[in-house]
């Protein structure tokens, strides 16, 4: 699975900032991301919409319990996100 770097930066911002997560789920949907990430983003924003909080890796894995392919997918995306550097979006 090859993931677009910009998609990863945006996704990491969404799942690490409650403010940005709530803004995103209010105005956008998972279709803004490349197809490789739709499933992860949809799974995450469904949680954000329901609980008004950003999901942790543990929460997503618990929700995916019993689905080994989804669990593996979540672990893969989180491993890619760990290597993404976030910069202050308001700088410049």
Foldseek 3Di string as FASTA:
>chain_A
DDADLVLLQLVLCLQVDLVSVVVDLVPHALVVGPPLCRVVRNLQNVCCVVPSHGDDLVRSLVVCPPPVVSNVSSVVSVVVSVPRDHDPPPDD
